[in-house]
Amino acid sequence: MNNIKIAYTKHDGDLASIIWPSFKETLEEKHGRSGAKGNRGEQLALKLIQEDKLFYGTDWAVSCQDCLFQIMGCDIVIRNQEKYYFIDVKHGSSSLYYDKECGGKDGWFFTLRGDVLNKTNKTDIILHLGPKGDVYTWYPKKEMQMFAGRMTKRQTIRVYKSEWPDFIRTNL
């Protein structure tokens, strides 16, 4: 392991009652089974960062467990080469999956969701993890917004590896 520092923000019930009264302290409380899956994805992403397998050169990472960061769309904040990045981790219905019918490396895809892409939040990077958390793909949100164009809030698009634009990064 490298000397990457990992920290966690804490839930503040008083703050939550002011800015997001219905906020739940854990993803599992908020979203049930899919929330538990999302929380697991965030922990797997932190592990990849700590092992320097993802976002090489990161000094520190913060797992954002509080309502203020969550409302801003930030699951993890990292400092990498003196810059700060806000990351939205996808490890549920939008994670990285494999389609056996396509086969080979082109079988990998992620689901692009309009409600995620169109949010005007602080997110810089969207990170999709595979089911086991060992494979990933990520991209700058602004570049994907330009690439995808305006999507409706309910629209979803499967984006297969063969269609990925140059700005997408992956370990596949």
N, C-alpha and C. Protein backbone atom coordinates (compact mmCIF):
# COMPACT_ATOMS: atom_id res chain seq x y z
N MET A 1 0.83 -1.19 0.00
CA MET A 1 0.00 0.00 0.00
C MET A 1 0.87 1.25 0.00
N ASN A 2 0.41 2.26 -0.66
CA ASN A 2 1.10 3.55 -0.69
C ASN A 2 0.68 4.40 0.49
N ASN A 3 1.21 5.56 0.59
CA ASN A 3 0.90 6.46 1.70
C ASN A 3 -0.30 7.35 1.40
N ILE A 4 -1.24 6.86 0.66
CA ILE A 4 -2.44 7.63 0.35
C ILE A 4 -3.33 7.64 1.59
N LYS A 5 -3.69 8.81 2.03
CA LYS A 5 -4.53 8.94 3.22
C LYS A 5 -6.00 8.83 2.82
N ILE A 6 -6.75 8.03 3.56
CA ILE A 6 -8.17 7.86 3.32
C ILE A 6 -8.91 8.40 4.54
N ALA A 7 -9.91 9.22 4.31
CA ALA A 7 -10.70 9.79 5.40
C ALA A 7 -12.19 9.66 5.06
N TYR A 8 -13.03 9.88 6.05
CA TYR A 8 -14.48 9.79 5.88
C TYR A 8 -15.12 11.03 6.48
N THR A 9 -16.05 11.63 5.74
CA THR A 9 -16.82 12.72 6.32
C THR A 9 -17.88 12.09 7.22
N LYS A 10 -18.31 12.81 8.21
CA LYS A 10 -19.30 12.29 9.15
C LYS A 10 -20.67 12.90 8.88
N HIS A 11 -21.68 12.13 9.20
CA HIS A 11 -23.06 12.59 9.06
C HIS A 11 -23.37 13.62 10.16
N ASP A 12 -23.98 14.71 9.77
CA ASP A 12 -24.39 15.75 10.72
C ASP A 12 -25.91 15.88 10.61
N GLY A 13 -26.61 15.31 11.58
CA GLY A 13 -28.07 15.31 11.57
C GLY A 13 -28.68 16.69 11.58
N ASP A 14 -28.06 17.63 12.28
CA ASP A 14 -28.58 19.00 12.32
C ASP A 14 -28.50 19.65 10.94
N LEU A 15 -27.35 19.48 10.27
CA LEU A 15 -27.19 20.03 8.93
C LEU A 15 -28.16 19.37 7.96
N ALA A 16 -28.29 18.06 8.06
CA ALA A 16 -29.20 17.33 7.18
C ALA A 16 -30.63 17.82 7.34
N SER A 17 -31.06 18.09 8.57
CA SER A 17 -32.44 18.53 8.79
C SER A 17 -32.71 19.89 8.16
N ILE A 18 -31.66 20.67 7.94
CA ILE A 18 -31.82 21.99 7.32
C ILE A 18 -31.80 21.90 5.79
N ILE A 19 -30.77 21.25 5.23
CA ILE A 19 -30.62 21.28 3.77
C ILE A 19 -31.26 20.10 3.04
N TRP A 20 -31.50 18.99 3.73
CA TRP A 20 -32.08 17.82 3.08
C TRP A 20 -32.81 17.01 4.13
N PRO A 21 -34.02 17.46 4.54
CA PRO A 21 -34.75 16.84 5.65
C PRO A 21 -34.99 15.33 5.50
N SER A 22 -35.13 14.84 4.27
CA SER A 22 -35.39 13.41 4.09
C SER A 22 -34.11 12.59 3.95
N PHE A 23 -32.94 13.22 4.12
CA PHE A 23 -31.66 12.53 3.96
C PHE A 23 -31.53 11.39 4.97
N LYS A 24 -31.08 10.26 4.48
CA LYS A 24 -30.82 9.10 5.33
C LYS A 24 -29.32 8.98 5.54
N GLU A 25 -28.93 8.52 6.71
CA GLU A 25 -27.51 8.48 7.07
C GLU A 25 -26.69 7.52 6.22
N THR A 26 -27.30 6.41 5.80
CA THR A 26 -26.55 5.46 4.98
C THR A 26 -27.26 5.27 3.64
N LEU A 27 -26.49 4.85 2.64
CA LEU A 27 -27.07 4.57 1.34
C LEU A 27 -28.08 3.44 1.42
N GLU A 28 -27.83 2.50 2.30
CA GLU A 28 -28.75 1.38 2.45
C GLU A 28 -30.10 1.85 2.98
N GLU A 29 -30.11 2.78 3.94
CA GLU A 29 -31.36 3.35 4.44
C GLU A 29 -32.09 4.09 3.33
N LYS A 30 -31.33 4.80 2.52
CA LYS A 30 -31.91 5.65 1.49
C LYS A 30 -32.44 4.85 0.30
N HIS A 31 -31.65 3.84 -0.15
CA HIS A 31 -32.00 3.14 -1.39
C HIS A 31 -32.15 1.63 -1.23
N GLY A 32 -32.14 1.12 -0.01
CA GLY A 32 -32.30 -0.31 0.20
C GLY A 32 -31.15 -1.13 -0.35
N ARG A 33 -31.48 -2.21 -1.02
CA ARG A 33 -30.46 -3.13 -1.55
C ARG A 33 -29.54 -2.45 -2.55
N SER A 34 -30.08 -1.62 -3.42
CA SER A 34 -29.23 -0.93 -4.40
C SER A 34 -28.30 0.06 -3.71
N GLY A 35 -28.73 0.62 -2.59
CA GLY A 35 -27.88 1.52 -1.81
C GLY A 35 -26.71 0.78 -1.18
N ALA A 36 -26.99 -0.44 -0.71
CA ALA A 36 -25.92 -1.27 -0.15
C ALA A 36 -24.90 -1.60 -1.22
N LYS A 37 -25.38 -1.85 -2.43
CA LYS A 37 -24.49 -2.12 -3.56
C LYS A 37 -23.65 -0.88 -3.88
N GLY A 38 -24.29 0.28 -3.86
CA GLY A 38 -23.57 1.54 -4.11
C GLY A 38 -22.51 1.80 -3.07
N ASN A 39 -22.84 1.54 -1.80
CA ASN A 39 -21.87 1.73 -0.73
C ASN A 39 -20.68 0.80 -0.91
N ARG A 40 -20.96 -0.44 -1.29
CA ARG A 40 -19.88 -1.41 -1.54
C ARG A 40 -18.99 -0.90 -2.67
N GLY A 41 -19.59 -0.34 -3.72
CA GLY A 41 -18.82 0.20 -4.83
C GLY A 41 -17.91 1.33 -4.41
N GLU A 42 -18.41 2.19 -3.55
CA GLU A 42 -17.58 3.30 -3.06
C GLU A 42 -16.38 2.78 -2.27
N GLN A 43 -16.61 1.74 -1.47
CA GLN A 43 -15.50 1.16 -0.70
C GLN A 43 -14.49 0.47 -1.61
N LEU A 44 -14.98 -0.20 -2.66
CA LEU A 44 -14.08 -0.84 -3.62
C LEU A 44 -13.27 0.21 -4.38
N ALA A 45 -13.90 1.33 -4.73
CA ALA A 45 -13.19 2.41 -5.41
C ALA A 45 -12.10 2.98 -4.51
N LEU A 46 -12.41 3.18 -3.24
CA LEU A 46 -11.39 3.67 -2.29
C LEU A 46 -10.21 2.70 -2.20
N LYS A 47 -10.51 1.42 -2.23
CA LYS A 47 -9.44 0.41 -2.17
C LYS A 47 -8.54 0.52 -3.41
N LEU A 48 -9.14 0.65 -4.58
CA LEU A 48 -8.35 0.80 -5.82
C LEU A 48 -7.50 2.07 -5.77
N ILE A 49 -8.06 3.13 -5.23
CA ILE A 49 -7.31 4.39 -5.11
C ILE A 49 -6.16 4.20 -4.13
N GLN A 50 -6.43 3.59 -3.00
CA GLN A 50 -5.41 3.40 -1.98
C GLN A 50 -4.28 2.50 -2.49
N GLU A 51 -4.61 1.52 -3.31
CA GLU A 51 -3.61 0.63 -3.88
C GLU A 51 -2.92 1.24 -5.10
N ASP A 52 -3.28 2.50 -5.42
CA ASP A 52 -2.71 3.24 -6.55
C ASP A 52 -2.99 2.56 -7.90
N LYS A 53 -4.13 1.89 -8.00
CA LYS A 53 -4.55 1.25 -9.24
C LYS A 53 -5.54 2.12 -10.00
N LEU A 54 -5.99 3.19 -9.37
CA LEU A 54 -6.97 4.08 -9.95
C LEU A 54 -6.59 5.51 -9.57
N PHE A 55 -6.56 6.40 -10.53
CA PHE A 55 -6.17 7.80 -10.31
C PHE A 55 -4.76 7.87 -9.72
N TYR A 56 -3.83 7.27 -10.44
CA TYR A 56 -2.42 7.24 -10.01
C TYR A 56 -1.94 8.64 -9.66
N GLY A 57 -1.24 8.76 -8.56
CA GLY A 57 -0.71 10.04 -8.13
C GLY A 57 -1.58 10.74 -7.09
N THR A 58 -2.62 10.06 -6.62
CA THR A 58 -3.51 10.65 -5.62
C THR A 58 -2.80 10.73 -4.27
N ASP A 59 -2.89 11.89 -3.60
CA ASP A 59 -2.32 12.08 -2.27
C ASP A 59 -3.27 11.57 -1.19
N TRP A 60 -4.54 11.93 -1.33
CA TRP A 60 -5.53 11.55 -0.34
C TRP A 60 -6.91 11.44 -0.99
N ALA A 61 -7.78 10.71 -0.30
CA ALA A 61 -9.16 10.54 -0.77
C ALA A 61 -10.08 10.62 0.43
N VAL A 62 -11.25 11.20 0.22
CA VAL A 62 -12.25 11.31 1.28
C VAL A 62 -13.53 10.64 0.79
N SER A 63 -14.04 9.70 1.58
CA SER A 63 -15.32 9.08 1.31
C SER A 63 -16.39 10.00 1.90
N CYS A 64 -17.27 10.48 1.06
CA CYS A 64 -18.25 11.50 1.48
C CYS A 64 -19.54 10.85 1.94
N GLN A 65 -19.73 10.79 3.24
CA GLN A 65 -20.88 10.12 3.82
C GLN A 65 -21.96 11.10 4.28
N ASP A 66 -21.75 12.40 4.12
CA ASP A 66 -22.69 13.36 4.66
C ASP A 66 -23.59 13.96 3.58
N CYS A 67 -24.65 14.59 4.03
CA CYS A 67 -25.68 15.11 3.11
C CYS A 67 -25.16 16.22 2.20
N LEU A 68 -24.26 17.06 2.69
CA LEU A 68 -23.77 18.17 1.88
C LEU A 68 -23.02 17.66 0.65
N PHE A 69 -22.11 16.72 0.83
CA PHE A 69 -21.39 16.17 -0.31
C PHE A 69 -22.32 15.35 -1.21
N GLN A 70 -23.21 14.57 -0.61
CA GLN A 70 -24.12 13.75 -1.41
C GLN A 70 -25.05 14.61 -2.27
N ILE A 71 -25.52 15.72 -1.74
CA ILE A 71 -26.40 16.59 -2.53
C ILE A 71 -25.62 17.23 -3.68
N MET A 72 -24.30 17.37 -3.51
CA MET A 72 -23.44 17.90 -4.57
C MET A 72 -23.03 16.82 -5.56
N GLY A 73 -23.45 15.57 -5.33
CA GLY A 73 -23.14 14.47 -6.24
C GLY A 73 -21.77 13.88 -6.04
N CYS A 74 -21.20 14.06 -4.86
CA CYS A 74 -19.83 13.61 -4.60
C CYS A 74 -19.82 12.40 -3.67
N ASP A 75 -19.33 11.28 -4.17
CA ASP A 75 -19.16 10.10 -3.34
C ASP A 75 -17.75 10.07 -2.76
N ILE A 76 -16.79 10.50 -3.57
CA ILE A 76 -15.39 10.53 -3.16
C ILE A 76 -14.76 11.82 -3.67
N VAL A 77 -13.93 12.43 -2.86
CA VAL A 77 -13.13 13.58 -3.27
C VAL A 77 -11.67 13.15 -3.18
N ILE A 78 -10.90 13.44 -4.24
CA ILE A 78 -9.47 13.12 -4.21
C ILE A 78 -8.66 14.38 -4.50
N ARG A 79 -7.41 14.35 -4.04
CA ARG A 79 -6.44 15.35 -4.47
C ARG A 79 -5.39 14.61 -5.26
N ASN A 80 -5.21 15.04 -6.49
CA ASN A 80 -4.29 14.39 -7.40
C ASN A 80 -3.48 15.48 -8.08
N GLN A 81 -2.17 15.47 -7.87
CA GLN A 81 -1.27 16.46 -8.47
C GLN A 81 -1.75 17.88 -8.20
N GLU A 82 -2.05 18.14 -6.92
CA GLU A 82 -2.45 19.47 -6.44
C GLU A 82 -3.81 19.95 -6.96
N LYS A 83 -4.59 19.08 -7.62
CA LYS A 83 -5.94 19.43 -8.05
C LYS A 83 -6.93 18.55 -7.30
N TYR A 84 -8.14 19.07 -7.13
CA TYR A 84 -9.19 18.34 -6.43
C TYR A 84 -10.23 17.86 -7.44
N TYR A 85 -10.69 16.62 -7.26
CA TYR A 85 -11.68 16.04 -8.15
C TYR A 85 -12.81 15.44 -7.32
N PHE A 86 -14.04 15.68 -7.78
CA PHE A 86 -15.24 15.16 -7.13
C PHE A 86 -15.77 14.02 -7.98
N ILE A 87 -15.89 12.84 -7.38
CA ILE A 87 -16.18 11.61 -8.12
C ILE A 87 -17.53 11.03 -7.72
N ASP A 88 -18.31 10.67 -8.73
CA ASP A 88 -19.59 9.98 -8.54
C ASP A 88 -19.36 8.52 -8.93
N VAL A 89 -19.44 7.61 -7.95
CA VAL A 89 -19.18 6.20 -8.18
C VAL A 89 -20.48 5.48 -8.56
N LYS A 90 -20.42 4.70 -9.63
CA LYS A 90 -21.58 3.93 -10.09
C LYS A 90 -21.26 2.44 -9.95
N HIS A 91 -22.03 1.78 -9.07
CA HIS A 91 -21.81 0.35 -8.85
C HIS A 91 -23.15 -0.32 -8.60
N GLY A 92 -24.11 0.02 -9.37
CA GLY A 92 -25.44 -0.56 -9.26
C GLY A 92 -25.96 -0.75 -10.67
N SER A 93 -27.11 -0.16 -10.95
CA SER A 93 -27.70 -0.31 -12.29
C SER A 93 -26.87 0.37 -13.37
N SER A 94 -25.99 1.29 -12.99
CA SER A 94 -25.15 1.99 -13.98
C SER A 94 -23.71 1.51 -13.98
N SER A 95 -23.44 0.38 -13.33
CA SER A 95 -22.05 -0.06 -13.26
C SER A 95 -21.58 -0.63 -14.59
N LEU A 96 -20.36 -1.08 -14.59
CA LEU A 96 -19.73 -1.67 -15.77
C LEU A 96 -20.14 -3.14 -15.82
N TYR A 97 -20.74 -3.55 -16.94
CA TYR A 97 -21.22 -4.92 -17.08
C TYR A 97 -20.64 -5.56 -18.34
N TYR A 98 -20.88 -6.87 -18.45
CA TYR A 98 -20.40 -7.62 -19.60
C TYR A 98 -21.56 -8.29 -20.30
N ASP A 99 -21.63 -8.13 -21.62
CA ASP A 99 -22.66 -8.74 -22.45
C ASP A 99 -22.02 -9.91 -23.20
N LYS A 100 -22.34 -11.13 -22.79
CA LYS A 100 -21.73 -12.33 -23.38
C LYS A 100 -22.01 -12.45 -24.87
N GLU A 101 -23.16 -11.94 -25.32
CA GLU A 101 -23.51 -12.06 -26.74
C GLU A 101 -22.55 -11.27 -27.63
N CYS A 102 -22.02 -10.17 -27.14
CA CYS A 102 -21.05 -9.39 -27.92
C CYS A 102 -19.67 -10.05 -27.87
N GLY A 103 -19.34 -10.61 -26.72
CA GLY A 103 -18.07 -11.31 -26.55
C GLY A 103 -16.85 -10.41 -26.61
N GLY A 104 -15.73 -10.97 -26.20
CA GLY A 104 -14.46 -10.24 -26.23
C GLY A 104 -14.51 -8.95 -25.43
N LYS A 105 -13.54 -8.10 -25.67
CA LYS A 105 -13.49 -6.82 -24.94
C LYS A 105 -14.66 -5.91 -25.31
N ASP A 106 -15.23 -6.08 -26.49
CA ASP A 106 -16.36 -5.24 -26.91
C ASP A 106 -17.64 -5.56 -26.15
N GLY A 107 -17.66 -6.63 -25.37
CA GLY A 107 -18.84 -6.98 -24.59
C GLY A 107 -19.05 -6.09 -23.37
N TRP A 108 -18.02 -5.36 -22.97
CA TRP A 108 -18.14 -4.48 -21.80
C TRP A 108 -18.94 -3.24 -22.14
N PHE A 109 -19.80 -2.83 -21.22
CA PHE A 109 -20.60 -1.62 -21.42
C PHE A 109 -20.97 -1.01 -20.07
N PHE A 110 -21.34 0.25 -20.09
CA PHE A 110 -21.93 0.90 -18.92
C PHE A 110 -23.19 1.58 -19.39
N THR A 111 -24.06 1.86 -18.44
CA THR A 111 -25.32 2.53 -18.76
C THR A 111 -25.19 4.00 -18.41
N LEU A 112 -25.42 4.82 -19.40
CA LEU A 112 -25.41 6.27 -19.23
C LEU A 112 -26.84 6.69 -18.92
N ARG A 113 -27.03 7.36 -17.80
CA ARG A 113 -28.37 7.76 -17.39
C ARG A 113 -28.52 9.27 -17.45
N GLY A 114 -29.59 9.72 -18.06
CA GLY A 114 -29.85 11.15 -18.20
C GLY A 114 -29.97 11.87 -16.88
N ASP A 115 -30.56 11.23 -15.87
CA ASP A 115 -30.72 11.91 -14.58
C ASP A 115 -29.37 12.15 -13.91
N VAL A 116 -28.38 11.33 -14.17
CA VAL A 116 -27.03 11.52 -13.62
C VAL A 116 -26.26 12.54 -14.45
N LEU A 117 -26.32 12.39 -15.75
CA LEU A 117 -25.53 13.24 -16.65
C LEU A 117 -26.02 14.68 -16.67
N ASN A 118 -27.31 14.89 -16.51
CA ASN A 118 -27.88 16.24 -16.60
C ASN A 118 -27.84 17.03 -15.31
N LYS A 119 -27.49 16.39 -14.20
CA LYS A 119 -27.46 17.10 -12.92
C LYS A 119 -26.43 18.22 -12.98
N THR A 120 -26.79 19.33 -12.41
CA THR A 120 -25.85 20.45 -12.32
C THR A 120 -25.23 20.42 -10.92
N ASN A 121 -24.48 19.37 -10.67
CA ASN A 121 -23.83 19.22 -9.37
C ASN A 121 -22.32 19.41 -9.53
N LYS A 122 -21.60 19.14 -8.50
CA LYS A 122 -20.16 19.40 -8.45
C LYS A 122 -19.33 18.29 -9.09
N THR A 123 -19.93 17.18 -9.46
CA THR A 123 -19.20 16.02 -9.98
C THR A 123 -18.30 16.38 -11.15
N ASP A 124 -17.03 15.98 -11.04
CA ASP A 124 -16.06 16.14 -12.13
C ASP A 124 -15.92 14.85 -12.93
N ILE A 125 -15.94 13.72 -12.22
CA ILE A 125 -15.65 12.42 -12.81
C ILE A 125 -16.77 11.45 -12.46
N ILE A 126 -17.17 10.65 -13.46
CA ILE A 126 -18.11 9.56 -13.21
C ILE A 126 -17.32 8.27 -13.39
N LEU A 127 -17.38 7.42 -12.37
CA LEU A 127 -16.62 6.18 -12.33
C LEU A 127 -17.60 5.00 -12.28
N HIS A 128 -17.50 4.09 -13.25
CA HIS A 128 -18.31 2.88 -13.29
C HIS A 128 -17.42 1.70 -12.91
N LEU A 129 -17.83 0.93 -11.90
CA LEU A 129 -17.08 -0.25 -11.48
C LEU A 129 -17.77 -1.51 -11.96
N GLY A 130 -16.97 -2.54 -12.24
CA GLY A 130 -17.52 -3.84 -12.56
C GLY A 130 -18.09 -4.50 -11.32
N PRO A 131 -18.83 -5.59 -11.48
CA PRO A 131 -19.50 -6.25 -10.35
C PRO A 131 -18.58 -6.61 -9.18
N LYS A 132 -17.35 -7.02 -9.48
CA LYS A 132 -16.40 -7.40 -8.42
C LYS A 132 -15.56 -6.22 -7.95
N GLY A 133 -15.65 -5.10 -8.63
CA GLY A 133 -14.87 -3.92 -8.26
C GLY A 133 -13.43 -3.95 -8.74
N ASP A 134 -13.09 -4.90 -9.60
CA ASP A 134 -11.72 -5.01 -10.08
C ASP A 134 -11.50 -4.34 -11.43
N VAL A 135 -12.56 -4.15 -12.19
CA VAL A 135 -12.46 -3.44 -13.46
C VAL A 135 -13.26 -2.15 -13.37
N TYR A 136 -12.84 -1.17 -14.13
CA TYR A 136 -13.49 0.13 -14.05
C TYR A 136 -13.35 0.88 -15.36
N THR A 137 -14.18 1.88 -15.48
CA THR A 137 -14.04 2.87 -16.54
C THR A 137 -14.48 4.20 -15.94
N TRP A 138 -13.83 5.27 -16.36
CA TRP A 138 -14.19 6.59 -15.85
C TRP A 138 -14.00 7.63 -16.94
N TYR A 139 -14.68 8.77 -16.74
CA TYR A 139 -14.59 9.86 -17.70
C TYR A 139 -14.97 11.17 -17.03
N PRO A 140 -14.48 12.28 -17.59
CA PRO A 140 -14.91 13.59 -17.09
C PRO A 140 -16.37 13.81 -17.47
N LYS A 141 -17.16 14.21 -16.53
CA LYS A 141 -18.60 14.40 -16.75
C LYS A 141 -18.87 15.41 -17.86
N LYS A 142 -18.15 16.53 -17.86
CA LYS A 142 -18.39 17.57 -18.88
C LYS A 142 -18.16 17.05 -20.29
N GLU A 143 -17.11 16.25 -20.47
CA GLU A 143 -16.84 15.71 -21.80
C GLU A 143 -17.94 14.75 -22.24
N MET A 144 -18.43 13.93 -21.31
CA MET A 144 -19.51 13.01 -21.65
C MET A 144 -20.79 13.77 -21.95
N GLN A 145 -21.05 14.86 -21.25
CA GLN A 145 -22.23 15.68 -21.54
C GLN A 145 -22.17 16.20 -22.98
N MET A 146 -21.01 16.66 -23.40
CA MET A 146 -20.86 17.16 -24.78
C MET A 146 -21.01 16.01 -25.79
N PHE A 147 -20.43 14.87 -25.48
CA PHE A 147 -20.48 13.71 -26.37
C PHE A 147 -21.91 13.18 -26.52
N ALA A 148 -22.62 13.05 -25.40
CA ALA A 148 -23.96 12.44 -25.41
C ALA A 148 -25.05 13.41 -25.86
N GLY A 149 -24.79 14.71 -25.75
CA GLY A 149 -25.84 15.67 -26.05
C GLY A 149 -26.86 15.69 -24.94
N ARG A 150 -27.92 16.38 -25.15
CA ARG A 150 -28.96 16.51 -24.12
C ARG A 150 -29.80 15.23 -24.05
N MET A 151 -29.80 14.61 -22.90
CA MET A 151 -30.62 13.42 -22.68
C MET A 151 -31.78 13.80 -21.77
N THR A 152 -32.91 13.13 -21.95
CA THR A 152 -34.02 13.37 -21.03
C THR A 152 -33.67 12.74 -19.69
N LYS A 153 -34.32 13.20 -18.65
CA LYS A 153 -34.04 12.74 -17.30
C LYS A 153 -34.21 11.22 -17.16
N ARG A 154 -35.17 10.66 -17.86
CA ARG A 154 -35.46 9.23 -17.75
C ARG A 154 -34.75 8.38 -18.80
N GLN A 155 -34.01 8.99 -19.69
CA GLN A 155 -33.35 8.27 -20.77
C GLN A 155 -32.12 7.52 -20.28
N THR A 156 -31.95 6.30 -20.77
CA THR A 156 -30.74 5.52 -20.49
C THR A 156 -30.18 5.01 -21.81
N ILE A 157 -28.87 4.94 -21.89
CA ILE A 157 -28.20 4.46 -23.10
C ILE A 157 -27.09 3.51 -22.67
N ARG A 158 -27.06 2.33 -23.28
CA ARG A 158 -25.93 1.42 -23.08
C ARG A 158 -24.81 1.88 -24.00
N VAL A 159 -23.63 2.05 -23.42
CA VAL A 159 -22.48 2.48 -24.21
C VAL A 159 -21.45 1.34 -24.18
N TYR A 160 -21.33 0.65 -25.33
CA TYR A 160 -20.42 -0.48 -25.43
C TYR A 160 -18.99 -0.01 -25.69
N LYS A 161 -18.03 -0.83 -25.28
CA LYS A 161 -16.61 -0.47 -25.37
C LYS A 161 -16.22 -0.05 -26.79
N SER A 162 -16.77 -0.70 -27.79
CA SER A 162 -16.43 -0.37 -29.18
C SER A 162 -16.88 1.06 -29.55
N GLU A 163 -17.78 1.64 -28.76
CA GLU A 163 -18.30 2.99 -29.03
C GLU A 163 -17.69 4.05 -28.13
N TRP A 164 -16.81 3.65 -27.20
CA TRP A 164 -16.27 4.60 -26.24
C TRP A 164 -15.41 5.66 -26.91
N PRO A 165 -15.66 6.92 -26.61
CA PRO A 165 -14.81 7.99 -27.14
C PRO A 165 -13.44 7.97 -26.46
N ASP A 166 -12.50 8.72 -27.04
CA ASP A 166 -11.10 8.73 -26.57
C ASP A 166 -10.92 9.18 -25.13
N PHE A 167 -11.83 9.98 -24.60
CA PHE A 167 -11.62 10.51 -23.25
C PHE A 167 -11.98 9.52 -22.12
N ILE A 168 -12.51 8.37 -22.47
CA ILE A 168 -12.84 7.35 -21.46
C ILE A 168 -11.57 6.59 -21.10
N ARG A 169 -11.37 6.41 -19.80
CA ARG A 169 -10.22 5.67 -19.27
C ARG A 169 -10.71 4.38 -18.64
N THR A 170 -9.94 3.32 -18.78
CA THR A 170 -10.34 2.02 -18.26
C THR A 170 -9.12 1.15 -17.98
N ASN A 171 -9.31 0.10 -17.21
CA ASN A 171 -8.25 -0.89 -17.01
C ASN A 171 -8.56 -2.19 -17.72
N LEU A 172 -9.52 -2.16 -18.64
CA LEU A 172 -9.85 -3.38 -19.42
C LEU A 172 -8.82 -3.61 -20.50
